[in-house]
C-alpha atoms as a PDB file:
ATOM      1  CA  MET A   1       0.000   0.000   0.000  1.00  0.00           C
ATOM      2  CA  PRO A   2       1.540   3.387  -0.943  1.00  0.00           C
ATOM      3  CA  LEU A   3       2.295   5.840   1.836  1.00  0.00           C
ATOM      4  CA  ARG A   4       1.198   9.431   1.863  1.00  0.00           C
ATOM      5  CA  THR A   5       2.985  12.210   3.709  1.00  0.00           C
ATOM      6  CA  THR A   6       0.733  14.160   6.022  1.00  0.00           C
ATOM      7  CA  GLU A   7       0.855  17.759   7.093  1.00  0.00           C
ATOM      8  CA  ARG A   8       2.904  18.522  10.174  1.00  0.00           C
ATOM      9  CA  ALA A   9       1.014  17.235  13.164  1.00  0.00           C
ATOM     10  CA  SER A  10       0.484  19.239  16.291  1.00  0.00           C
ATOM     11  CA  ALA A  11       0.477  16.594  18.992  1.00  0.00           C
ATOM     12  CA  SER A  12      -1.409  17.059  22.210  1.00  0.00           C
ATOM     13  CA  ALA A  13       0.826  14.772  24.280  1.00  0.00           C
ATOM     14  CA  SER A  14       3.308  16.770  26.334  1.00  0.00           C
ATOM     15  CA  ALA A  15       6.315  14.679  25.273  1.00  0.00           C
ATOM     16  CA  ALA A  16       5.527  15.199  21.598  1.00  0.00           C
ATOM     17  CA  ARG A  17       5.803  18.975  21.810  1.00  0.00           C
ATOM     18  CA  HIS A  18       9.574  18.558  22.249  1.00  0.00           C
ATOM     19  CA  ALA A  19       9.942  16.573  19.029  1.00  0.00           C
ATOM     20  CA  ASP A  20       9.799  17.274  15.301  1.00  0.00           C
ATOM     21  CA  PRO A  21       6.894  15.123  14.183  1.00  0.00           C
ATOM     22  CA  SER A  22       7.753  14.373  10.551  1.00  0.00           C
ATOM     23  CA  LEU A  23       5.355  11.515  10.061  1.00  0.00           C
ATOM     24  CA  ARG A  24       4.205   9.144   7.359  1.00  0.00           C
ATOM     25  CA  ILE A  25       0.775   7.690   7.876  1.00  0.00           C
ATOM     26  CA  ASP A  26      -0.689   4.885   5.811  1.00  0.00           C
ATOM     27  CA  ASP A  27      -4.229   4.774   4.425  1.00  0.00           C
ATOM     28  CA  ASP A  28      -5.439   3.097   7.631  1.00  0.00           C
ATOM     29  CA  GLY A  29      -4.181   5.994   9.742  1.00  0.00           C
ATOM     30  CA  LEU A  30      -1.229   4.084  11.197  1.00  0.00           C
ATOM     31  CA  ILE A  31       2.104   5.834  11.645  1.00  0.00           C
ATOM     32  CA  THR A  32       4.609   3.950   9.517  1.00  0.00           C
ATOM     33  CA  ARG A  33       7.557   6.338   9.823  1.00  0.00           C
ATOM     34  CA  ALA A  34       8.485   9.051  12.296  1.00  0.00           C
ATOM     35  CA  ASN A  35      11.609  11.172  12.608  1.00  0.00           C
ATOM     36  CA  LEU A  36      11.783  12.438  16.194  1.00  0.00           C
ATOM     37  CA  ILE A  37      14.441  14.645  17.743  1.00  0.00           C
ATOM     38  CA  ILE A  38      14.471  13.700  21.416  1.00  0.00           C
ATOM     39  CA  ALA A  39      15.932  16.190  23.909  1.00  0.00           C
ATOM     40  CA  THR A  40      17.734  13.506  25.923  1.00  0.00           C
ATOM     41  CA  GLY A  41      20.000  12.572  23.023  1.00  0.00           C
ATOM     42  CA  HIS A  42      20.072  15.923  21.264  1.00  0.00           C
ATOM     43  CA  ASN A  43      21.262  17.850  24.341  1.00  0.00           C
ATOM     44  CA  ASN A  44      23.670  15.222  25.660  1.00  0.00           C
ATOM     45  CA  LEU A  45      26.831  17.161  24.756  1.00  0.00           C
ATOM     46  CA  ALA A  46      25.516  20.363  26.361  1.00  0.00           C
ATOM     47  CA  MET A  47      24.568  18.477  29.539  1.00  0.00           C
ATOM     48  CA  ASP A  48      27.985  16.803  29.662  1.00  0.00           C
ATOM     49  CA  ARG A  49      29.845  20.101  29.329  1.00  0.00           C
ATOM     50  CA  SER A  50      27.654  21.785  31.932  1.00  0.00           C
ATOM     51  CA  VAL A  51      28.185  18.966  34.459  1.00  0.00           C
ATOM     52  CA  TYR A  52      31.916  19.341  33.801  1.00  0.00           C
ATOM     53  CA  GLN A  53      31.663  23.074  34.644  1.00  0.00           C
ATOM     54  CA  VAL A  54      29.798  22.245  37.871  1.00  0.00           C
ATOM     55  CA  ALA A  55      32.520  19.749  38.778  1.00  0.00           C
ATOM     56  CA  ARG A  56      35.276  22.304  38.151  1.00  0.00           C
ATOM     57  CA  LYS A  57      33.546  24.741  40.483  1.00  0.00           C
ATOM     58  CA  TYR A  58      32.386  22.394  43.258  1.00  0.00           C
ATOM     59  CA  VAL A  59      35.045  19.672  43.470  1.00  0.00           C
ATOM     60  CA  LYS A  60      37.762  20.879  45.802  1.00  0.00           C
ATOM     61  CA  GLY A  61      40.419  18.379  46.796  1.00  0.00           C
ATOM     62  CA  ALA A  62      39.188  14.836  47.357  1.00  0.00           C
ATOM     63  CA  ALA A  63      35.695  15.534  48.661  1.00  0.00           C
ATOM     64  CA  LEU A  64      32.254  15.845  47.103  1.00  0.00           C
ATOM     65  CA  HIS A  65      29.489  17.746  48.859  1.00  0.00           C
ATOM     66  CA  GLU A  66      25.709  17.308  48.954  1.00  0.00           C
ATOM     67  CA  GLY A  67      25.193  20.764  47.378  1.00  0.00           C
ATOM     68  CA  MET A  68      26.802  19.521  44.186  1.00  0.00           C
ATOM     69  CA  LEU A  69      23.858  17.153  43.659  1.00  0.00           C
ATOM     70  CA  ASN A  70      21.503  20.139  43.469  1.00  0.00           C
ATOM     71  CA  ARG A  71      23.708  21.879  40.877  1.00  0.00           C
ATOM     72  CA  VAL A  72      23.959  18.750  38.715  1.00  0.00           C
ATOM     73  CA  GLU A  73      20.186  18.268  38.955  1.00  0.00           C
ATOM     74  CA  ALA A  74      19.637  21.873  37.833  1.00  0.00           C
ATOM     75  CA  VAL A  75      21.876  21.313  34.802  1.00  0.00           C
ATOM     76  CA  ILE A  76      20.055  18.145  33.763  1.00  0.00           C
ATOM     77  CA  ARG A  77      16.620  19.716  34.204  1.00  0.00           C
ATOM     78  CA  SER A  78      17.576  22.761  32.139  1.00  0.00           C
ATOM     79  CA  PHE A  79      18.585  20.675  29.118  1.00  0.00           C
ATOM     80  CA  ASP A  80      16.245  17.705  29.319  1.00  0.00           C
ATOM     81  CA  PRO A  81      12.522  18.436  29.588  1.00  0.00           C
ATOM     82  CA  CYS A  82      11.728  14.707  29.518  1.00  0.00           C
ATOM     83  CA  LEU A  83      13.673  14.006  32.704  1.00  0.00           C
ATOM     84  CA  SER A  84      12.175  17.078  34.357  1.00  0.00           C
ATOM     85  CA  CYS A  85       8.630  15.919  33.699  1.00  0.00           C
ATOM     86  CA  SER A  86       9.279  12.298  34.594  1.00  0.00           C
ATOM     87  CA  THR A  87      10.784  13.061  37.991  1.00  0.00           C
ATOM     88  CA  HIS A  88       8.480  15.941  39.033  1.00  0.00           C
ATOM     89  CA  ALA A  89       9.743  16.767  42.545  1.00  0.00           C
ATOM     90  CA  VAL A  90      12.695  19.150  42.585  1.00  0.00           C
ATOM     91  CA  GLY A  91      15.396  17.840  44.896  1.00  0.00           C
ATOM     92  CA  GLN A  92      14.229  14.243  44.569  1.00  0.00           C
ATOM     93  CA  MET A  93      15.920  13.201  41.318  1.00  0.00           C
ATOM     94  CA  PRO A  94      17.990  10.092  42.094  1.00  0.00           C
ATOM     95  CA  LEU A  95      21.651  10.992  41.559  1.00  0.00           C
ATOM     96  CA  HIS A  96      24.910   9.161  42.165  1.00  0.00           C
ATOM     97  CA  ILE A  97      28.168  11.074  41.646  1.00  0.00           C
ATOM     98  CA  GLN A  98      31.558   9.424  41.963  1.00  0.00           C
ATOM     99  CA  LEU A  99      34.950  11.124  42.117  1.00  0.00           C
ATOM    100  CA  VAL A 100      37.443   8.785  40.459  1.00  0.00           C
ATOM    101  CA  ALA A 101      41.235   9.114  40.562  1.00  0.00           C
ATOM    102  CA  PRO A 102      43.337   8.893  37.375  1.00  0.00           C
ATOM    103  CA  ASP A 103      44.204   5.276  38.299  1.00  0.00           C
ATOM    104  CA  GLY A 104      40.478   4.395  38.409  1.00  0.00           C
ATOM    105  CA  SER A 105      40.179   4.129  42.181  1.00  0.00           C
ATOM    106  CA  LEU A 106      37.131   5.605  43.908  1.00  0.00           C
ATOM    107  CA  VAL A 107      38.026   8.750  45.893  1.00  0.00           C
ATOM    108  CA  ASP A 108      34.577   9.878  47.092  1.00  0.00           C
ATOM    109  CA  GLU A 109      30.895   9.566  46.221  1.00  0.00           C
ATOM    110  CA  VAL A 110      27.587  11.192  47.070  1.00  0.00           C
ATOM    111  CA  LYS A 111      24.103   9.966  46.246  1.00  0.00           C
ATOM    112  CA  ARG A 112      20.463  10.375  47.019  1.00  0.00           C
END
């Protein structure tokens, strides 16, 4: 059955508003192809660099501090709307940060 390209859809689901819904729908109304740009993957480099900046500011010596978890959470929430919606409560995102020495040994860790 030949496919027809539809007009750009405006989805009502909250997750879909963060994607580019380029869809192909068959004659039965089934989506047969979708090209989605998902924030989690698209913003990964920006999140990585921002967490690195937080680490440069908050890691002093061989100790991690609880306050760093809040900064890392803020970075992730600012770049990834999917994680923000899925976790809801600010300050409750499960995080586990490890400080690792150049030889691979664990120096310190904090988690919630």
